[in-house]
Protein backbone atom coordinates (compact mmCIF):
# COMPACT_ATOMS: atom_id res chain seq x y z
CA MET A 1 0.00 0.00 0.00
CA GLU A 2 1.37 3.40 -1.01
CA SER A 3 1.67 6.06 1.66
CA LYS A 4 0.17 9.50 1.04
CA ILE A 5 2.10 12.55 2.22
CA LYS A 6 0.17 14.56 4.80
CA VAL A 7 0.60 17.62 6.99
CA GLY A 8 3.12 16.93 9.75
CA ASP A 9 5.16 14.34 7.85
CA LEU A 10 8.95 14.66 7.89
CA VAL A 11 10.17 14.53 4.29
CA ALA A 12 13.33 14.77 2.20
CA PRO A 13 13.82 15.43 -1.50
CA ALA A 14 13.55 12.22 -3.54
CA SER A 15 16.95 10.71 -4.31
CA TRP A 16 16.66 11.51 -8.04
CA THR A 17 16.41 15.26 -7.22
CA THR A 18 19.70 15.48 -5.31
CA ASN A 19 21.72 16.04 -8.48
CA LEU A 20 20.14 19.50 -8.67
CA SER A 21 22.56 21.87 -6.91
CA HIS A 22 19.94 24.04 -5.17
CA ILE A 23 18.33 20.95 -3.61
CA ARG A 24 21.46 19.43 -2.05
CA SER A 25 21.21 21.76 0.96
CA MET A 26 17.65 20.62 1.80
CA GLU A 27 18.08 17.66 4.10
CA TYR A 28 14.73 17.37 5.88
CA GLY A 29 11.54 19.36 6.00
CA VAL A 30 8.05 19.21 7.49
CA VAL A 31 4.89 19.29 5.41
CA ILE A 32 2.88 22.30 6.62
CA ASP A 33 0.09 22.59 4.02
CA TYR A 34 -1.32 21.01 0.87
CA PHE A 35 -3.80 21.75 -1.89
CA GLU A 36 -5.35 20.02 -4.86
CA ASP A 37 -5.58 22.14 -8.00
CA ASP A 38 -8.46 22.20 -10.50
CA SER A 39 -6.89 19.38 -12.52
CA GLY A 40 -6.62 17.12 -9.45
CA LEU A 41 -2.87 17.49 -8.89
CA VAL A 42 -1.81 17.63 -5.24
CA HIS A 43 0.89 20.05 -4.07
CA VAL A 44 2.45 20.16 -0.59
CA GLU A 45 4.13 23.08 1.15
CA VAL A 46 7.34 22.05 2.91
CA GLN A 47 9.07 24.06 5.65
CA TRP A 48 12.81 23.55 5.22
CA GLN A 49 15.35 24.85 7.73
CA ASP A 50 15.45 28.38 6.34
CA HIS A 51 12.57 28.68 3.85
CA LYS A 52 9.37 27.07 2.63
CA GLU A 53 8.41 25.88 -0.85
CA TRP A 54 5.62 24.09 -2.71
CA TRP A 55 6.54 20.61 -4.02
CA SER A 56 4.80 17.78 -5.84
CA PRO A 57 4.52 14.65 -3.67
CA PHE A 58 6.45 12.55 -6.23
CA GLU A 59 9.48 14.81 -5.62
CA LEU A 60 9.57 13.86 -1.92
CA GLU A 61 10.28 10.81 0.23
CA ILE A 62 8.60 10.34 3.60
CA ILE A 63 11.20 9.99 6.37
CA SER A 64 8.71 9.80 9.24
CA GLU A 65 4.91 9.91 9.14
CA SER A 66 2.94 12.14 11.49
CA ARG A 67 0.39 10.45 13.70
């Protein structure tokens, strides 16, 4: 069963994204918000150490799920 990313989850960039230089500094982040757009795509807002950004769930790996 596939896990869905939700608010409170601890995440990291997916391993295939780490070759992008601006992503290497993002070790772990916490999902703080999400939305589904008109076409049904889900986006999650991640709070990194020094900034926050919107990501697609397929770009992230769950490190620890919130309860």
